[in-house]
Amino acid sequence: MQCDRLKRREFMALICGFAAWPVAARGQQSNIPVIGFINGSSAKSYAAYVQAFLDGLGDTGHVVGRNVAIEYRWAEGHYERIPEMVDDLVRRRVAVLAPNTPAAQATKRAAGNIPVVFFTGQDPVASGLVESLNHPGGNVTGVTSMFGELASKQVGLLHELVPGTTLIGYLVNPENPITEGNVRDAVDAAQKLGEKIEIVHASSDAEINAAFDKLRGIGAGALLVQLDAFLVNKRIVALAAQNALPTLYQTRELIAAGGLMSYGSSLADMYRQMGVYAGKVLEGANPAELPVLQPVKFEMAINLKTAKSLGLKISDNLLSLADEVIE
């Protein structure tokens, strides 16, 4: 147990503290390439996905501290900070830029000739990140979690999870470029089931509190949480429990923290793929020739302890579909 705690502390020190070392100083010491990793969330919230990214780098033979370094930039939900973070990494002439959704567009605009390997929830073609999925063009490629039927599937799962509800809340971050499309898909899916969706916005802790106040006031019977760097947030799990609100998340990591249920593409797998691509680019691969990767692995997790506390009976069908059931 003590050893496990030590390993966790060492890992958090790596992703939180390593960015504080000046690139020039590290270059003088080791002369190794540097990846600029830009994320809209925080080091604590994304620790599991950083580890997946590092695992992907390792698959290509790149190990931090041995033959590659990483400069981390965490916006911690303040997406307005991202352009300056990107500009700083560009000025430092990192070897590869690795942004997630909130930072992808700003990174492409500022990158110049620095290769970009992104993770995005947007349609990377429609948003202008790449020319096509198979032939990205330019110096940009990456991984997308975009999946056209995902919102429909999630709303359908909520309908089965809480069959008596007619009003579902949808918590989204208005600062996220994918929000408009996510809302449109979710509203369409709900209408087909004869349900209504109430959109609530949050890009700060105070707004999360206000969103739950609104949901409580209108009598929402269930909640869907958007896939967003800031909304991968244990505060939401705690408030969902306090308000006895059945909630569907898009990342299974929040289910281990007490969330009720999740369904979505495997973020850990996609960040690993992102790390693999970053490693390939460091080896000289041309981003224009690396097809944008789409999700191939979807996962569902259910927390039966949380279901019991909410007085919910999970159907045999949902249990049979789950990849992980926490009892």
Protein backbone atom coordinates (compact mmCIF):
# COMPACT_ATOMS: atom_id res chain seq x y z
CA MET A 1 0.00 0.00 0.00
CA GLN A 2 2.78 2.43 0.93
CA CYS A 3 4.61 1.53 -2.29
CA ASP A 4 1.45 2.25 -4.35
CA ARG A 5 1.09 5.68 -2.71
CA LEU A 6 4.72 6.42 -3.44
CA LYS A 7 4.28 5.50 -7.11
CA ARG A 8 1.23 7.75 -7.40
CA ARG A 9 3.13 10.65 -5.80
CA GLU A 10 6.05 10.10 -8.15
CA PHE A 11 3.74 10.05 -11.18
CA MET A 12 1.92 13.24 -10.15
CA ALA A 13 5.27 14.91 -9.53
CA LEU A 14 6.27 13.93 -13.05
CA ILE A 15 3.28 15.44 -14.80
CA CYS A 16 2.90 18.46 -12.52
CA GLY A 17 6.49 19.35 -11.87
CA PHE A 18 8.30 18.43 -15.05
CA ALA A 19 6.81 21.35 -16.95
CA ALA A 20 8.53 23.73 -14.55
CA TRP A 21 11.99 22.77 -15.85
CA PRO A 22 13.06 25.17 -18.60
CA VAL A 23 13.27 23.55 -22.02
CA ALA A 24 16.68 25.10 -22.67
CA ALA A 25 18.11 23.67 -19.45
CA ARG A 26 16.80 20.21 -20.23
CA GLY A 27 18.13 20.48 -23.76
CA GLN A 28 21.58 21.37 -22.45
CA GLN A 29 21.51 18.39 -20.12
CA SER A 30 20.19 15.75 -22.47
CA ASN A 31 19.61 17.19 -25.97
CA ILE A 32 16.38 15.24 -26.32
CA PRO A 33 13.21 16.28 -28.22
CA VAL A 34 10.39 17.94 -26.29
CA ILE A 35 6.65 17.39 -26.74
CA GLY A 36 4.34 20.29 -25.88
CA PHE A 37 1.23 18.79 -24.26
CA ILE A 38 -1.68 21.26 -24.00
CA ASN A 39 -4.89 20.32 -22.19
CA GLY A 40 -7.98 22.21 -21.08
CA SER A 41 -8.26 20.27 -17.81
CA SER A 42 -5.87 19.73 -14.89
CA ALA A 43 -2.98 17.37 -14.21
CA LYS A 44 -4.93 15.73 -11.39
CA SER A 45 -8.08 15.10 -13.43
CA TYR A 46 -6.17 13.78 -16.45
CA ALA A 47 -3.51 11.71 -14.70
CA ALA A 48 -4.87 8.43 -16.11
CA TYR A 49 -4.90 9.81 -19.65
CA VAL A 50 -1.41 11.24 -19.35
CA GLN A 51 -0.26 7.78 -18.32
CA ALA A 52 -2.00 6.34 -21.38
CA PHE A 53 -0.22 8.92 -23.57
CA LEU A 54 3.11 7.94 -22.00
CA ASP A 55 2.30 4.27 -22.60
CA GLY A 56 1.72 5.06 -26.28
CA LEU A 57 5.05 6.87 -26.47
CA GLY A 58 6.62 3.83 -24.84
CA ASP A 59 5.16 1.61 -27.56
CA THR A 60 7.38 3.51 -30.02
CA GLY A 61 10.44 3.30 -27.75
CA HIS A 62 10.19 6.80 -26.27
CA VAL A 63 10.58 7.15 -22.51
CA VAL A 64 10.35 10.46 -20.66
CA GLY A 65 13.69 11.33 -19.07
CA ARG A 66 15.57 8.95 -21.34
CA ASN A 67 15.00 10.03 -24.94
CA VAL A 68 12.06 12.46 -24.82
CA ALA A 69 10.81 15.27 -22.58
CA ILE A 70 7.34 16.77 -22.14
CA GLU A 71 6.26 20.33 -21.39
CA TYR A 72 2.76 20.22 -19.88
CA ARG A 73 0.33 23.14 -20.07
CA TRP A 74 -2.93 22.82 -18.12
CA ALA A 75 -5.70 25.39 -18.63
CA GLU A 76 -7.69 24.02 -15.65
CA GLY A 77 -10.97 24.92 -17.32
CA HIS A 78 -9.86 28.46 -18.26
CA TYR A 79 -9.86 27.97 -22.02
CA GLU A 80 -9.06 31.63 -22.64
CA ARG A 81 -5.53 30.89 -21.41
CA ILE A 82 -4.89 28.35 -24.15
CA PRO A 83 -3.66 30.62 -27.00
CA GLU A 84 -0.86 32.03 -24.81
CA MET A 85 0.09 28.53 -23.66
CA VAL A 86 0.34 27.42 -27.28
CA ASP A 87 2.33 30.52 -28.28
CA ASP A 88 4.77 29.89 -25.43
CA LEU A 89 5.42 26.32 -26.57
CA VAL A 90 5.83 27.45 -30.17
CA ARG A 91 8.40 30.05 -29.05
CA ARG A 92 10.26 27.29 -27.24
CA ARG A 93 10.41 25.31 -30.51
CA VAL A 94 9.14 22.02 -29.14
CA ALA A 95 9.41 19.05 -31.50
CA VAL A 96 5.70 18.08 -31.45
CA LEU A 97 2.56 19.81 -30.18
CA ALA A 98 -0.10 17.57 -28.61
CA PRO A 99 -3.36 19.49 -27.87
CA ASN A 100 -6.80 18.26 -26.85
CA THR A 101 -10.14 19.60 -28.13
CA PRO A 102 -10.18 23.12 -26.64
CA ALA A 103 -6.62 23.74 -27.84
CA ALA A 104 -6.61 22.01 -31.22
CA GLN A 105 -7.65 24.95 -33.41
CA ALA A 106 -5.39 27.44 -31.64
CA THR A 107 -2.49 25.01 -31.92
CA LYS A 108 -2.96 24.48 -35.63
CA ARG A 109 -3.08 28.25 -36.23
CA ALA A 110 0.09 28.92 -34.25
CA ALA A 111 2.16 25.81 -35.00
CA GLY A 112 3.92 26.97 -38.13
CA ASN A 113 6.05 24.03 -39.24
CA ILE A 114 5.88 22.21 -35.87
CA PRO A 115 4.01 18.90 -36.25
CA VAL A 116 0.68 18.64 -34.39
CA VAL A 117 -0.88 15.43 -33.02
CA PHE A 118 -4.31 16.26 -31.59
CA PHE A 119 -7.09 14.62 -29.64
CA THR A 120 -10.48 16.10 -30.51
CA GLY A 121 -14.15 15.43 -30.04
CA GLN A 122 -14.92 17.49 -33.15
CA ASP A 123 -15.26 16.33 -36.72
CA PRO A 124 -11.67 17.17 -37.71
CA VAL A 125 -12.60 17.62 -41.38
CA ALA A 126 -15.66 19.84 -40.87
CA SER A 127 -13.76 21.92 -38.31
CA GLY A 128 -10.85 22.44 -40.71
CA LEU A 129 -8.18 20.64 -38.69
CA VAL A 130 -7.41 18.27 -41.57
CA GLU A 131 -8.26 17.92 -45.26
CA SER A 132 -9.61 14.37 -44.87
CA LEU A 133 -9.46 11.56 -42.34
CA ASN A 134 -7.33 9.30 -44.54
CA HIS A 135 -5.10 12.05 -45.93
CA PRO A 136 -4.85 14.81 -43.31
CA GLY A 137 -2.48 16.99 -45.31
CA GLY A 138 -0.18 19.66 -43.88
CA ASN A 139 1.56 18.95 -40.58
CA VAL A 140 -1.50 17.97 -38.50
CA THR A 141 -3.01 14.59 -37.61
CA GLY A 142 -4.33 12.86 -34.53
CA VAL A 143 -7.24 11.07 -32.91
CA THR A 144 -10.94 11.93 -32.83
CA SER A 145 -13.61 10.61 -30.47
CA MET A 146 -16.29 11.73 -32.94
CA PHE A 147 -18.94 9.07 -33.41
CA GLY A 148 -22.20 10.07 -35.05
CA GLU A 149 -24.54 7.79 -33.11
CA LEU A 150 -23.03 8.34 -29.66
CA ALA A 151 -25.52 10.94 -28.39
CA SER A 152 -28.44 8.82 -29.57
CA LYS A 153 -27.02 5.78 -27.79
CA GLN A 154 -26.42 7.71 -24.56
CA VAL A 155 -29.89 9.23 -24.45
CA GLY A 156 -31.33 5.79 -25.11
CA LEU A 157 -29.34 4.34 -22.22
CA LEU A 158 -30.61 7.07 -19.88
CA HIS A 159 -34.15 6.32 -21.04
CA GLU A 160 -33.64 2.67 -20.08
CA LEU A 161 -31.84 3.56 -16.86
CA VAL A 162 -34.61 5.87 -15.62
CA PRO A 163 -37.66 4.83 -17.66
CA GLY A 164 -40.10 7.07 -15.81
CA THR A 165 -38.41 10.38 -16.55
CA THR A 166 -39.53 12.75 -19.29
CA LEU A 167 -37.00 15.53 -18.65
CA ILE A 168 -33.26 14.97 -19.01
CA GLY A 169 -30.64 17.57 -18.19
CA TYR A 170 -27.59 17.90 -20.44
CA LEU A 171 -24.56 19.55 -18.82
CA VAL A 172 -22.25 21.12 -21.41
CA ASN A 173 -19.33 23.52 -21.49
CA PRO A 174 -20.22 26.51 -23.72
CA GLU A 175 -16.51 27.22 -24.25
CA ASN A 176 -15.97 23.87 -25.96
CA PRO A 177 -16.12 23.99 -29.78
CA ILE A 178 -17.95 20.65 -29.93
CA THR A 179 -20.88 21.85 -27.80
CA GLU A 180 -23.20 23.05 -30.56
CA GLY A 181 -23.03 19.73 -32.41
CA ASN A 182 -23.37 17.71 -29.20
CA VAL A 183 -26.49 19.62 -28.18
CA ARG A 184 -28.09 19.22 -31.61
CA ASP A 185 -27.50 15.44 -31.63
CA ALA A 186 -28.78 14.99 -28.06
CA VAL A 187 -31.93 17.04 -28.67
CA ASP A 188 -32.70 15.05 -31.83
CA ALA A 189 -32.21 11.76 -29.98
CA ALA A 190 -34.46 12.84 -27.10
CA GLN A 191 -37.24 13.97 -29.42
CA LYS A 192 -37.32 10.56 -31.06
CA LEU A 193 -37.94 9.05 -27.61
CA GLY A 194 -40.60 11.60 -26.73
CA GLU A 195 -38.42 13.20 -24.06
CA LYS A 196 -37.32 16.76 -23.43
CA ILE A 197 -33.74 17.88 -22.81
CA GLU A 198 -32.85 20.94 -20.76
CA ILE A 199 -29.40 22.30 -21.62
CA VAL A 200 -27.38 23.63 -18.69
CA HIS A 201 -23.97 25.28 -19.06
CA ALA A 202 -20.87 25.20 -16.90
CA SER A 203 -17.30 26.33 -17.44
CA SER A 204 -16.47 27.00 -13.76
CA ASP A 205 -17.17 25.44 -10.35
CA ALA A 206 -19.69 28.17 -9.58
CA GLU A 207 -21.54 27.45 -12.80
CA ILE A 208 -21.60 23.72 -11.99
CA ASN A 209 -23.33 24.58 -8.72
CA ALA A 210 -25.79 26.85 -10.54
CA ALA A 211 -26.50 24.13 -13.12
CA PHE A 212 -27.49 21.66 -10.42
CA ASP A 213 -29.65 24.30 -8.74
CA LYS A 214 -31.49 24.77 -12.03
CA LEU A 215 -31.87 21.04 -12.63
CA ARG A 216 -33.30 20.61 -9.15
CA GLY A 217 -35.68 23.52 -9.69
CA ILE A 218 -37.11 22.16 -12.95
CA GLY A 219 -37.38 18.59 -11.66
CA ALA A 220 -34.98 16.90 -14.06
CA GLY A 221 -35.13 13.13 -13.66
CA ALA A 222 -31.72 12.30 -15.14
CA LEU A 223 -28.54 13.98 -16.36
CA LEU A 224 -26.15 13.48 -19.25
CA VAL A 225 -22.67 15.04 -18.98
CA GLN A 226 -20.82 16.16 -22.10
CA LEU A 227 -17.37 14.83 -22.90
CA ASP A 228 -15.28 17.88 -22.01
CA ALA A 229 -11.91 18.31 -20.34
CA PHE A 230 -13.32 20.53 -17.57
CA LEU A 231 -16.40 18.36 -17.02
CA VAL A 232 -14.31 15.29 -16.25
CA ASN A 233 -14.81 16.54 -12.74
CA LYS A 234 -15.45 14.71 -9.46
CA ARG A 235 -17.36 17.75 -8.21
CA ILE A 236 -20.14 16.77 -10.61
CA VAL A 237 -20.17 13.24 -9.17
CA ALA A 238 -20.55 14.63 -5.65
CA LEU A 239 -23.37 17.01 -6.62
CA ALA A 240 -25.20 14.27 -8.54
CA ALA A 241 -25.13 12.17 -5.36
CA GLN A 242 -26.26 15.08 -3.16
CA ASN A 243 -29.16 15.76 -5.50
CA ALA A 244 -30.01 12.07 -5.98
CA LEU A 245 -29.83 12.65 -9.74
CA PRO A 246 -29.10 9.58 -11.93
CA THR A 247 -26.24 10.68 -14.19
CA LEU A 248 -24.59 9.23 -17.28
CA TYR A 249 -20.96 10.22 -17.84
CA GLN A 250 -18.70 9.55 -20.79
CA THR A 251 -15.62 8.35 -18.92
CA ARG A 252 -15.47 5.21 -16.79
CA GLU A 253 -12.93 6.80 -14.42
CA LEU A 254 -15.76 8.83 -12.83
CA ILE A 255 -17.68 5.65 -12.08
CA ALA A 256 -14.91 4.41 -9.83
CA ALA A 257 -15.24 7.77 -8.05
CA GLY A 258 -18.92 7.10 -7.31
CA GLY A 259 -20.63 8.04 -10.56
CA LEU A 260 -23.61 5.93 -11.58
CA MET A 261 -22.94 4.94 -15.18
CA SER A 262 -20.74 5.79 -18.15
CA TYR A 263 -20.78 5.06 -21.84
CA GLY A 264 -18.39 6.33 -24.47
CA SER A 265 -15.23 5.73 -26.40
CA SER A 266 -12.26 4.69 -24.30
CA LEU A 267 -10.37 7.91 -23.61
CA ALA A 268 -7.43 5.99 -22.20
CA ASP A 269 -7.15 3.97 -25.42
CA MET A 270 -7.39 7.10 -27.55
CA TYR A 271 -4.74 8.96 -25.56
CA ARG A 272 -2.50 5.92 -25.92
CA GLN A 273 -3.01 6.11 -29.70
CA MET A 274 -2.19 9.82 -29.53
CA GLY A 275 1.07 8.93 -27.78
CA VAL A 276 1.87 6.35 -30.45
CA TYR A 277 1.38 8.97 -33.18
CA ALA A 278 3.53 11.50 -31.32
CA GLY A 279 6.27 8.87 -31.09
CA LYS A 280 6.01 8.09 -34.79
CA VAL A 281 6.30 11.78 -35.67
CA LEU A 282 9.40 12.05 -33.49
CA GLU A 283 10.83 9.18 -35.53
CA GLY A 284 10.28 11.17 -38.72
CA ALA A 285 6.80 10.11 -39.86
CA ASN A 286 4.94 12.72 -41.91
CA PRO A 287 1.68 13.74 -40.17
CA ALA A 288 0.07 14.23 -43.59
CA GLU A 289 0.44 10.49 -44.19
CA LEU A 290 -0.89 9.33 -40.81
CA PRO A 291 -4.70 8.87 -41.08
CA VAL A 292 -6.80 10.42 -38.33
CA LEU A 293 -7.77 7.62 -35.94
CA GLN A 294 -11.40 7.10 -34.92
CA PRO A 295 -12.77 5.26 -31.90
CA VAL A 296 -12.87 1.49 -32.15
CA LYS A 297 -13.40 0.71 -28.48
CA PHE A 298 -16.49 1.77 -26.54
CA GLU A 299 -17.01 0.90 -22.91
CA MET A 300 -19.78 0.95 -20.35
CA ALA A 301 -19.37 0.96 -16.58
CA ILE A 302 -22.04 0.77 -13.87
CA ASN A 303 -21.69 1.40 -10.15
CA LEU A 304 -24.27 -0.80 -8.38
CA LYS A 305 -23.53 0.77 -5.01
CA THR A 306 -24.50 4.16 -6.40
CA ALA A 307 -27.58 2.68 -8.07
CA LYS A 308 -28.69 1.23 -4.74
CA SER A 309 -28.24 4.58 -2.99
CA LEU A 310 -30.49 6.14 -5.66
CA GLY A 311 -33.08 3.38 -5.34
CA LEU A 312 -32.54 2.30 -8.95
CA LYS A 313 -32.92 -1.23 -10.26
CA ILE A 314 -30.45 -1.77 -13.09
CA SER A 315 -31.99 -3.89 -15.84
CA ASP A 316 -30.48 -7.23 -16.79
CA ASN A 317 -29.96 -5.84 -20.29
CA LEU A 318 -27.79 -2.96 -19.05
CA LEU A 319 -25.82 -5.27 -16.78
CA SER A 320 -25.17 -7.61 -19.70
CA LEU A 321 -23.87 -4.71 -21.80
CA ALA A 322 -21.51 -3.37 -19.12
CA ASP A 323 -17.76 -3.89 -19.44
CA GLU A 324 -17.32 -3.15 -15.75
CA VAL A 325 -19.75 -3.47 -12.85
CA ILE A 326 -18.67 -2.01 -9.52
CA GLU A 327 -20.39 -3.67 -6.56
